[in-house]
Protein backbone atom coordinates (compact mmCIF):
# COMPACT_ATOMS: atom_id res chain seq x y z
CA MET A 1 -17.20 -22.89 -2.99
CA SER A 2 -16.78 -19.18 -2.48
CA THR A 3 -20.02 -17.41 -3.23
CA PHE A 4 -18.80 -13.94 -4.15
CA ILE A 5 -20.48 -11.94 -6.80
CA SER A 6 -20.35 -8.86 -8.86
CA ASN A 7 -18.41 -6.25 -10.35
CA HIS A 8 -12.78 -5.22 -10.04
CA ASN A 9 -11.66 -2.18 -10.90
CA ASP A 10 -9.85 -2.06 -14.14
CA GLY A 11 -12.29 -1.48 -16.90
CA GLY A 12 -15.58 -0.68 -18.49
CA PRO A 13 -18.16 1.98 -17.84
CA VAL A 14 -19.00 2.85 -14.28
CA ALA A 15 -21.82 0.80 -12.80
CA PRO A 16 -24.92 2.63 -11.54
CA ASP A 17 -24.05 2.15 -7.87
CA ARG A 18 -20.51 3.43 -8.48
CA THR A 19 -21.88 6.37 -10.47
CA ARG A 20 -24.00 7.48 -7.54
CA ARG A 21 -20.91 7.59 -5.36
CA LEU A 22 -18.76 9.38 -7.93
CA GLY A 23 -19.15 13.07 -7.39
CA ALA A 24 -20.81 12.60 -4.01
CA ARG A 25 -17.79 14.21 -2.36
CA THR A 26 -17.31 17.73 -3.65
CA GLY A 27 -15.60 19.16 -0.56
CA ILE A 28 -12.53 18.41 -0.03
CA ARG A 29 2.76 -3.46 -18.78
CA ALA A 30 5.55 -5.26 -18.28
CA ALA A 31 8.67 -4.56 -20.26
CA ALA A 32 12.15 -4.96 -18.88
CA LEU A 33 13.64 -1.72 -17.66
CA PRO A 34 15.70 -0.24 -20.48
CA ALA A 35 19.42 -0.04 -19.98
CA VAL A 36 19.12 3.72 -19.92
CA LEU A 37 17.10 3.44 -16.73
CA ALA A 38 19.95 1.83 -14.84
CA LEU A 39 22.16 4.77 -15.79
CA ALA A 40 19.50 7.28 -14.83
CA LEU A 41 18.81 5.57 -11.53
CA ALA A 42 22.50 5.44 -10.77
CA ALA A 43 22.48 9.21 -11.02
CA CYS A 44 19.68 9.23 -8.45
CA GLY A 45 21.77 7.43 -5.84
CA GLY A 46 23.23 8.91 -2.71
CA SER A 47 20.20 11.06 -2.02
CA GLY A 48 20.03 10.51 1.73
CA ASP A 49 21.36 13.96 2.68
CA ASP A 50 19.23 15.60 0.03
CA GLU A 51 16.14 13.91 1.44
CA SER A 52 16.87 15.29 4.90
CA ASP A 53 17.39 18.79 3.51
CA ARG A 54 14.26 18.72 1.41
CA THR A 55 12.01 17.28 4.11
CA SER A 56 13.32 19.09 7.18
CA GLU A 57 10.49 21.58 6.86
CA GLY A 58 7.75 18.94 6.63
CA SER A 59 4.30 20.23 7.39
CA GLY A 60 3.21 17.40 9.64
CA GLY A 61 -0.12 17.51 7.83
CA ASP A 62 -0.46 21.27 7.26
CA SER A 63 -1.08 22.64 3.81
CA GLY A 64 2.41 24.15 3.98
CA SER A 65 3.22 27.41 2.23
CA GLN A 66 0.31 28.74 0.24
CA GLU A 67 2.34 29.35 -2.90
CA GLN A 68 0.91 27.57 -5.93
CA VAL A 69 2.39 24.08 -6.32
CA ASP A 70 1.98 21.82 -9.35
CA LEU A 71 2.35 18.07 -8.91
CA ARG A 72 2.23 15.20 -11.40
CA PHE A 73 0.76 11.83 -10.49
CA THR A 74 1.04 8.75 -12.70
CA TRP A 75 -0.85 5.46 -12.53
CA TRP A 76 -1.93 2.56 -14.71
CA GLY A 77 -5.35 0.95 -14.89
CA SER A 78 -8.75 0.78 -16.52
CA ASP A 79 -11.20 3.50 -17.43
CA THR A 80 -12.96 2.82 -14.13
CA ARG A 81 -9.76 3.42 -12.18
CA HIS A 82 -9.02 6.58 -14.12
CA GLN A 83 -12.43 8.04 -13.30
CA ILE A 84 -12.21 7.14 -9.60
CA THR A 85 -8.66 8.48 -9.31
CA GLN A 86 -9.60 11.75 -10.95
CA GLU A 87 -12.31 12.23 -8.35
CA VAL A 88 -9.69 11.77 -5.62
CA ILE A 89 -7.56 14.44 -7.30
CA ASP A 90 -10.56 16.78 -7.45
CA ALA A 91 -11.28 16.24 -3.75
CA PHE A 92 -7.64 16.83 -2.80
CA GLU A 93 -7.43 20.03 -4.84
CA ALA A 94 -10.62 21.27 -3.17
CA GLU A 95 -9.08 20.74 0.25
CA TYR A 96 -5.68 22.14 -0.77
CA PRO A 97 -6.51 24.87 -3.33
CA HIS A 98 -2.88 25.91 -3.67
CA ILE A 99 -1.87 22.43 -4.94
CA SER A 100 -2.68 21.28 -8.45
CA VAL A 101 -2.30 17.60 -9.39
CA GLN A 102 -1.94 16.64 -13.03
CA GLY A 103 -2.94 13.04 -13.70
CA GLU A 104 -0.96 10.90 -16.15
CA PHE A 105 -2.34 7.43 -16.78
CA GLY A 106 -2.33 4.55 -19.22
CA GLU A 107 -2.37 0.79 -19.66
CA TRP A 108 0.04 -1.51 -17.83
CA SER A 109 1.56 -2.61 -21.14
CA GLY A 110 3.27 0.74 -21.77
CA TYR A 111 3.43 2.17 -18.27
CA TRP A 112 6.89 0.99 -17.24
CA ASP A 113 8.64 1.95 -20.45
CA LYS A 114 7.18 5.43 -20.10
CA LEU A 115 8.17 5.69 -16.46
CA ALA A 116 11.70 4.52 -17.22
CA THR A 117 11.96 7.15 -19.94
CA THR A 118 10.81 9.98 -17.69
CA VAL A 119 13.17 8.90 -14.92
CA ALA A 120 16.04 8.74 -17.40
CA ALA A 121 15.20 12.27 -18.53
CA ASN A 122 15.10 13.48 -14.90
CA ASP A 123 11.42 14.25 -15.48
CA ALA A 124 9.72 11.66 -13.26
CA PRO A 125 6.22 12.41 -11.93
CA ASP A 126 6.13 13.52 -8.31
CA ILE A 127 3.83 10.71 -7.17
CA ILE A 128 4.08 7.28 -8.76
CA GLN A 129 1.77 4.31 -8.58
CA MET A 130 4.35 1.58 -8.05
CA ASP A 131 4.24 -2.20 -8.33
CA GLU A 132 6.04 -4.72 -6.13
CA MET A 133 7.86 -6.04 -9.18
CA TYR A 134 9.61 -2.70 -9.67
CA LEU A 135 9.74 -1.28 -6.14
CA ARG A 136 13.11 -2.70 -5.20
CA GLU A 137 14.51 -1.83 -8.63
CA TYR A 138 13.70 1.86 -8.29
CA ALA A 139 14.24 2.16 -4.54
CA GLY A 140 17.53 0.31 -4.66
CA ARG A 141 18.94 2.79 -7.15
CA GLY A 142 17.77 5.90 -5.34
CA ALA A 143 14.88 6.96 -7.56
CA LEU A 144 12.29 6.96 -4.78
CA LEU A 145 11.97 9.07 -1.64
CA ASP A 146 11.92 7.41 1.78
CA LEU A 147 8.38 8.11 2.98
CA HIS A 148 9.57 7.81 6.59
CA THR A 149 11.22 11.22 6.05
CA LEU A 150 7.86 12.87 5.31
CA ASP A 151 6.06 13.96 8.47
CA GLY A 152 2.83 14.40 6.53
CA VAL A 153 2.45 10.70 5.75
CA ASP A 154 0.58 9.01 8.62
CA ILE A 155 0.91 5.21 8.77
CA SER A 156 -0.38 4.73 12.31
CA ALA A 157 -3.51 2.85 11.17
CA PHE A 158 -1.57 0.46 8.93
CA GLU A 159 -0.68 -3.02 10.14
CA GLU A 160 3.06 -3.48 10.51
CA ALA A 161 3.15 -6.37 8.05
CA THR A 162 1.42 -4.22 5.45
CA VAL A 163 3.90 -1.36 5.87
CA ALA A 164 6.77 -3.84 5.64
CA THR A 165 5.79 -4.81 2.09
CA GLY A 166 6.94 -1.37 0.93
CA GLU A 167 10.17 -1.20 2.94
CA PHE A 168 13.63 -1.71 1.55
CA ASP A 169 16.98 -1.36 3.27
CA GLY A 170 15.47 0.48 6.22
CA GLY A 171 13.39 2.97 4.21
CA LEU A 172 9.72 3.07 3.24
CA TYR A 173 9.61 3.54 -0.51
CA GLY A 174 6.05 2.50 -1.19
CA LEU A 175 2.89 2.71 0.92
CA SER A 176 0.43 -0.08 0.18
CA SER A 177 -2.72 1.05 -1.60
CA GLY A 178 -4.61 -2.20 -1.14
CA VAL A 179 -4.44 -5.87 -0.19
CA ASN A 180 -5.37 -8.62 -2.61
CA SER A 181 -4.63 -12.20 -3.61
CA PHE A 182 -4.16 -14.13 -6.85
CA ALA A 183 -7.39 -15.93 -7.67
CA ILE A 184 -9.72 -17.28 -10.34
CA LEU A 185 -12.47 -15.05 -11.68
CA ALA A 186 -15.32 -17.32 -12.80
CA ASN A 187 -18.23 -16.40 -15.04
CA PRO A 188 -21.38 -18.15 -13.73
CA SER A 189 -23.23 -17.30 -16.94
CA ILE A 190 -20.87 -19.46 -18.99
CA PHE A 191 -21.12 -22.26 -16.44
CA THR A 192 -24.90 -22.09 -16.85
CA ASP A 193 -24.59 -22.19 -20.64
CA ALA A 194 -22.41 -25.29 -20.26
CA GLY A 195 -24.90 -26.93 -17.91
CA LEU A 196 -22.35 -27.12 -15.12
CA ASP A 197 -22.12 -25.97 -11.51
CA LEU A 198 -19.35 -23.87 -10.04
CA PRO A 199 -16.68 -26.02 -8.36
CA ASP A 200 -16.02 -26.47 -4.67
CA ASP A 201 -12.97 -24.25 -4.52
CA GLU A 202 -11.95 -25.43 -1.05
CA THR A 203 -11.25 -28.96 -2.24
CA TRP A 204 -10.58 -28.96 -5.97
CA THR A 205 -7.35 -30.15 -7.57
CA TRP A 206 -5.66 -29.22 -10.83
CA GLU A 207 -6.91 -32.44 -12.40
CA GLU A 208 -10.47 -31.49 -11.50
CA PHE A 209 -9.84 -28.01 -12.86
CA LYS A 210 -8.70 -29.51 -16.17
CA GLU A 211 -11.70 -31.86 -16.43
CA LEU A 212 -14.13 -29.03 -15.69
CA SER A 213 -12.48 -26.70 -18.19
CA VAL A 214 -12.61 -29.33 -20.94
CA GLN A 215 -16.30 -29.90 -20.27
CA ILE A 216 -17.04 -26.20 -20.55
CA THR A 217 -15.17 -25.94 -23.86
CA GLU A 218 -17.08 -28.93 -25.23
CA ASN A 219 -20.48 -27.72 -24.01
CA THR A 220 -20.29 -24.11 -25.25
CA ASP A 221 -20.07 -22.35 -28.60
CA ASP A 222 -16.91 -22.16 -30.66
CA GLY A 223 -14.66 -19.40 -29.44
CA VAL A 224 -15.46 -20.07 -25.77
CA TRP A 225 -13.10 -22.08 -23.60
CA GLY A 226 -13.12 -23.40 -20.09
CA SER A 227 -10.23 -21.29 -18.85
CA GLN A 228 -7.63 -18.74 -19.67
CA SER A 229 -4.21 -20.31 -20.15
CA PHE A 230 -2.50 -20.96 -16.85
CA GLY A 231 0.85 -19.49 -17.74
CA ASN A 232 1.94 -16.30 -19.43
CA GLU A 233 2.01 -14.72 -15.99
CA GLN A 234 4.68 -14.51 -13.31
CA ALA A 235 2.08 -14.79 -10.55
CA ALA A 236 0.85 -18.09 -11.97
CA PHE A 237 4.28 -19.65 -11.65
CA THR A 238 4.77 -18.11 -8.22
CA THR A 239 1.62 -19.95 -7.15
CA TRP A 240 2.78 -23.19 -8.79
CA ALA A 241 6.20 -22.97 -7.16
CA ARG A 242 4.68 -22.33 -3.73
CA GLN A 243 2.50 -25.40 -4.19
CA HIS A 244 5.72 -27.36 -4.64
CA GLY A 245 7.41 -25.89 -1.57
CA GLU A 246 9.52 -23.45 -3.57
CA SER A 247 9.46 -19.77 -4.45
CA LEU A 248 10.32 -17.44 -7.29
CA PHE A 249 13.05 -15.73 -5.25
CA THR A 250 14.58 -16.31 -1.86
CA ALA A 251 14.78 -13.62 0.81
CA ASP A 252 18.39 -12.87 -0.19
CA GLY A 253 17.44 -12.33 -3.82
CA GLU A 254 18.49 -15.67 -5.28
CA VAL A 255 16.38 -17.85 -7.60
CA GLY A 256 14.21 -20.00 -5.36
CA PHE A 257 12.85 -22.67 -7.72
CA SER A 258 14.20 -25.78 -9.40
CA GLU A 259 14.22 -26.46 -13.12
CA ALA A 260 12.15 -29.58 -12.44
CA THR A 261 9.33 -27.50 -10.93
CA LEU A 262 9.48 -25.01 -13.78
CA MET A 263 9.38 -27.82 -16.32
CA SER A 264 6.30 -29.28 -14.62
CA PHE A 265 4.66 -25.85 -14.86
CA PHE A 266 5.25 -25.73 -18.62
CA GLU A 267 4.04 -29.32 -18.99
CA HIS A 268 0.86 -28.47 -17.11
CA MET A 269 0.34 -25.45 -19.36
CA THR A 270 0.67 -27.49 -22.57
CA ASP A 271 -1.46 -30.30 -21.15
CA LEU A 272 -4.34 -27.87 -20.67
CA ARG A 273 -3.82 -26.54 -24.20
CA ASP A 274 -3.72 -29.99 -25.79
CA ALA A 275 -6.86 -31.07 -23.94
CA GLY A 276 -8.79 -28.05 -25.24
CA ALA A 277 -9.28 -26.67 -21.77
CA VAL A 278 -7.78 -23.30 -22.73
CA PRO A 279 -7.49 -21.19 -25.91
CA PRO A 280 -4.83 -21.93 -28.54
CA ALA A 281 -1.45 -20.24 -28.42
CA SER A 282 -2.48 -17.50 -30.87
CA VAL A 283 -5.24 -16.29 -28.56
CA THR A 284 -3.06 -16.52 -25.46
CA ALA A 285 -0.33 -14.50 -27.17
CA GLU A 286 -2.80 -11.64 -27.68
CA GLU A 287 -3.14 -11.34 -23.91
CA ASN A 288 0.39 -9.94 -23.68
CA SER A 289 -0.61 -6.64 -25.24
CA ALA A 290 -4.32 -6.52 -24.42
CA GLY A 291 -5.60 -4.47 -21.54
CA LEU A 292 -7.90 -6.05 -18.99
CA ASP A 293 -10.96 -4.78 -20.85
CA GLN A 294 -9.94 -6.66 -24.00
CA GLY A 295 -8.76 -9.86 -22.32
CA VAL A 296 -10.44 -13.23 -22.73
CA THR A 297 -12.06 -13.06 -19.29
CA ALA A 298 -13.57 -9.60 -19.68
CA THR A 299 -14.81 -10.39 -23.21
CA ASN A 300 -16.55 -13.58 -22.08
CA ARG A 301 -14.39 -15.96 -24.08
CA VAL A 302 -13.46 -18.10 -21.07
CA ALA A 303 -15.40 -19.29 -18.04
CA MET A 304 -12.42 -18.84 -15.71
CA GLY A 305 -9.55 -16.37 -15.74
CA PHE A 306 -6.54 -15.82 -13.52
CA MET A 307 -6.38 -12.37 -11.96
CA TRP A 308 -5.89 -10.53 -8.70
CA SER A 309 -8.89 -10.28 -6.44
CA ASN A 310 -9.05 -6.49 -6.72
CA GLN A 311 -9.71 -6.86 -10.45
CA LEU A 312 -13.16 -8.33 -9.84
CA PHE A 313 -15.00 -5.06 -10.26
CA ALA A 314 -13.36 -3.95 -13.51
CA ALA A 315 -13.50 -7.41 -15.08
CA SER A 316 -17.17 -7.73 -14.22
CA GLU A 317 -17.90 -4.26 -15.53
CA ALA A 318 -16.21 -5.02 -18.84
CA SER A 319 -17.79 -8.46 -19.02
CA GLY A 320 -21.31 -7.30 -18.33
CA HIS A 321 -21.71 -10.28 -15.99
CA GLU A 322 -21.36 -10.73 -12.25
CA LEU A 323 -18.10 -12.64 -11.92
CA VAL A 324 -17.19 -14.78 -8.92
CA LEU A 325 -13.90 -15.18 -7.03
CA LEU A 326 -12.61 -18.71 -6.53
CA ARG A 327 -9.58 -20.07 -4.74
CA MET A 328 -6.80 -21.55 -6.85
CA PRO A 329 -6.78 -25.34 -7.29
CA SER A 330 -4.09 -27.24 -5.40
CA GLN A 331 -2.04 -30.37 -5.89
CA THR A 332 -3.59 -32.04 -2.83
CA GLY A 333 -7.20 -30.88 -2.70
CA GLN A 334 -6.50 -28.82 0.42
CA ALA A 335 -7.06 -25.08 0.19
CA SER A 336 -4.19 -24.47 2.60
CA ASP A 337 -1.85 -26.05 0.03
CA ASN A 338 -2.82 -23.81 -2.91
CA GLY A 339 0.00 -21.30 -2.41
CA ALA A 340 -2.21 -18.28 -1.73
CA TYR A 341 -0.81 -15.19 -0.03
CA TYR A 342 -1.68 -11.58 0.58
CA LYS A 343 -0.03 -9.10 -1.76
CA SER A 344 -0.04 -5.34 -1.80
CA SER A 345 -1.88 -4.63 -5.01
CA MET A 346 0.32 -1.62 -5.64
CA PHE A 347 2.04 1.20 -3.78
CA TRP A 348 2.08 4.96 -3.54
CA SER A 349 5.63 6.21 -4.08
CA VAL A 350 7.27 9.63 -4.35
CA SER A 351 10.09 10.49 -6.72
CA SER A 352 13.37 11.31 -5.00
CA ARG A 353 13.71 14.19 -7.46
CA THR A 354 10.41 15.88 -6.68
CA GLU A 355 10.77 19.60 -6.06
CA HIS A 356 7.79 19.45 -3.68
CA PRO A 357 8.27 16.55 -1.24
CA GLU A 358 6.05 18.13 1.42
CA GLU A 359 3.10 18.52 -0.92
CA ALA A 360 3.69 15.13 -2.55
CA GLY A 361 3.59 13.64 0.94
CA LEU A 362 0.32 15.40 1.63
CA PHE A 363 -1.17 13.82 -1.47
CA VAL A 364 0.09 10.34 -0.54
CA ASP A 365 -1.40 10.82 2.93
CA PHE A 366 -4.68 11.87 1.36
CA LEU A 367 -4.71 8.77 -0.85
CA ALA A 368 -3.88 6.49 2.06
CA ASN A 369 -5.99 7.94 4.84
CA HIS A 370 -8.63 10.37 3.59
CA ALA A 371 -9.93 9.13 0.22
CA GLY A 372 -11.35 5.80 1.34
CA ASP A 373 -14.93 6.73 0.53
CA ILE A 374 -13.91 7.36 -3.09
CA LEU A 375 -11.29 4.66 -3.66
CA LEU A 376 -13.14 2.03 -1.62
CA ALA A 377 -11.66 -1.33 -2.69
CA GLU A 378 -10.79 -0.46 -6.29
CA ARG A 379 -7.08 -1.01 -5.73
CA GLY A 380 -7.63 -3.79 -3.23
CA VAL A 381 -9.02 -4.07 0.26
CA PRO A 382 -8.02 -0.85 2.11
CA PRO A 383 -4.80 -1.44 4.09
CA ASN A 384 -5.67 1.31 6.57
CA THR A 385 -7.70 -0.70 9.07
CA GLU A 386 -9.73 2.29 10.22
CA VAL A 387 -10.65 3.23 6.66
CA ARG A 388 -11.53 -0.40 5.92
CA THR A 389 -14.05 -0.42 8.76
CA GLU A 390 -15.47 3.01 7.94
CA VAL A 391 -16.18 2.34 4.27
CA ALA A 392 -17.19 -1.34 4.37
CA ASP A 393 -20.88 -0.50 4.10
CA GLN A 394 -20.18 1.56 0.97
CA PHE A 395 -18.59 -1.28 -0.99
CA ASN A 396 -20.44 -2.29 -4.11
CA PRO A 397 -21.12 -6.03 -4.43
CA ALA A 398 -17.78 -6.73 -6.13
CA GLU A 399 -15.78 -4.79 -3.57
CA ALA A 400 -17.64 -6.50 -0.75
CA ALA A 401 -16.99 -9.84 -2.43
CA ALA A 402 -13.27 -9.10 -2.71
CA ALA A 403 -13.12 -8.06 0.95
CA THR A 404 -14.99 -11.20 1.98
CA PHE A 405 -12.69 -13.34 -0.13
CA ILE A 406 -9.60 -11.80 1.50
CA GLN A 407 -11.09 -12.44 4.91
CA ASP A 408 -12.18 -16.01 4.11
CA ILE A 409 -8.75 -17.16 2.95
CA GLY A 410 -7.01 -15.65 5.96
CA ASP A 411 -6.56 -18.99 7.73
CA GLU A 412 -5.24 -20.65 4.56
CA ILE A 413 -2.56 -18.27 3.37
CA ALA A 414 1.16 -18.58 3.96
CA GLU A 415 3.79 -15.88 4.34
CA ALA A 416 4.07 -13.63 1.31
CA PRO A 417 6.96 -14.35 -1.04
CA ALA A 418 10.12 -12.30 -0.94
CA PRO A 419 9.96 -9.19 -3.18
CA PRO A 420 11.84 -9.40 -6.47
CA PRO A 421 15.48 -8.32 -6.19
CA VAL A 422 17.05 -5.62 -8.32
CA GLY A 423 16.78 -6.93 -11.87
CA GLY A 424 13.57 -8.78 -11.08
CA ALA A 425 11.49 -6.31 -13.08
CA SER A 426 12.41 -8.23 -16.22
CA VAL A 427 10.93 -11.51 -14.98
CA GLN A 428 7.42 -10.97 -16.35
CA GLU A 429 8.72 -10.39 -19.88
CA ILE A 430 11.03 -13.40 -19.59
CA PHE A 431 8.13 -15.58 -18.50
CA GLN A 432 5.81 -14.39 -21.23
CA ARG A 433 8.44 -14.96 -23.90
CA HIS A 434 9.23 -18.48 -22.77
CA CYS A 435 5.56 -19.36 -22.31
CA ALA A 436 4.94 -18.29 -25.90
CA GLU A 437 7.85 -20.42 -27.12
CA VAL A 438 6.40 -23.45 -25.34
CA LEU A 439 2.79 -22.85 -26.37
CA PHE A 440 3.80 -22.44 -30.02
CA ASP A 441 5.92 -25.63 -29.73
CA ARG A 442 9.11 -23.79 -30.54
CA MET A 443 10.70 -24.98 -27.29
CA SER A 444 10.13 -28.08 -25.21
CA PRO A 445 9.16 -27.66 -21.54
CA GLU A 446 12.57 -29.01 -20.55
CA ASP A 447 14.52 -26.63 -22.80
CA ALA A 448 12.35 -23.68 -21.80
CA ALA A 449 12.87 -24.45 -18.11
CA SER A 450 16.63 -24.49 -18.56
CA SER A 451 16.67 -21.32 -20.63
CA LEU A 452 14.30 -19.37 -18.39
CA SER A 453 16.13 -20.35 -15.21
CA SER A 454 19.44 -19.24 -16.67
CA GLU A 455 18.04 -15.96 -17.96
CA ILE A 456 16.40 -15.03 -14.66
CA SER A 457 19.56 -15.90 -12.74
CA SER A 458 21.54 -13.61 -15.02
CA ALA A 459 18.98 -10.81 -14.73
CA VAL A 460 19.11 -10.65 -10.94
CA SER A 461 22.87 -11.14 -10.59
CA ARG A 462 23.92 -8.14 -12.68
């Protein structure tokens, strides 16, 4: 069992240890992209020459001209993330007084619709917190700037494999902000209430997961379940497919899973529901629009939830309990067969239409290389290896636990899956919709597998 404790970074008030660090440095969801976005992004294409013109006077790390520059920076996340990110902005503005950064933030559930709207209106923020699910969509249509063209962005301390996660068609369109992995967040307090021990996460199977979850539901108060529903989430199926030797997408952008594997995923999801291991469909459906802080894990309604490892701090903060990271169960009882992989938690990207590429690059460089003592592991384990070493002793217990977890699974993980192709941004919504149809018994697992497969194939072939 992994013995990691404490507090991810997406919600709740700031813990005392985090509060002491905040202010210490005074110097220096997912909806499908609207059709209008495709038209707007098409208008962004063919920007290669423009990029060269705009970046030919890169500062190479200087503060550039001292004329006042106003930048906009957008991100999604919890209250904790907002507070931490604002401190980074304050530190950057102190070091570069002639640059002002306006923060624009919100919940994941509305983030992508808002971004699509601003891009369509040719009013995109200068710096964009980007997700893997959308990176290829935006980069492939010319909405993002190639960071390789910005001399001020230093990637020398990044591992090549980490940089590669943000590359597309020869350009670097997103610089990783953190490394994480899909995992289970367990609440030891609920295990104690149920009179049960935490599982051995190096050997457990899905059948053992089900049995344990049922026991927790039976041994706790009404309104508390063993686990969050395993479904309703693209990453959950990606894990399931990898456990069956398949993938969500192939390297060339084709669908990489069989209908039989998808059907087994839906059958597993309904089996857990029918056994009482997870909440009913009505509760699971609420998760689609709830932020992390209001989810069943953070509100202590389940003993185990499925999240990314970098969410440990925020979920623990919102929960009020020290949550624990566990490996995913496997089909075989071998941790190396559980489908785990390293994922860039998110990326720093720059709009191809920014009027200030030099200054936007300076801010990305600051985020990536000079704000480690503020960001710590909130967005995942720092991808800059030098920063990771320098700030390790400043991690709070949750951040240290996430870093330890990432290190401990290093010998078990397989190659990361191929990034979603253009059109792949709609997959999360397609999954959630079909999961709801199955959980509410409006579609059979077989029919849902056929429908979902067809819809995803159509989405990525347009």
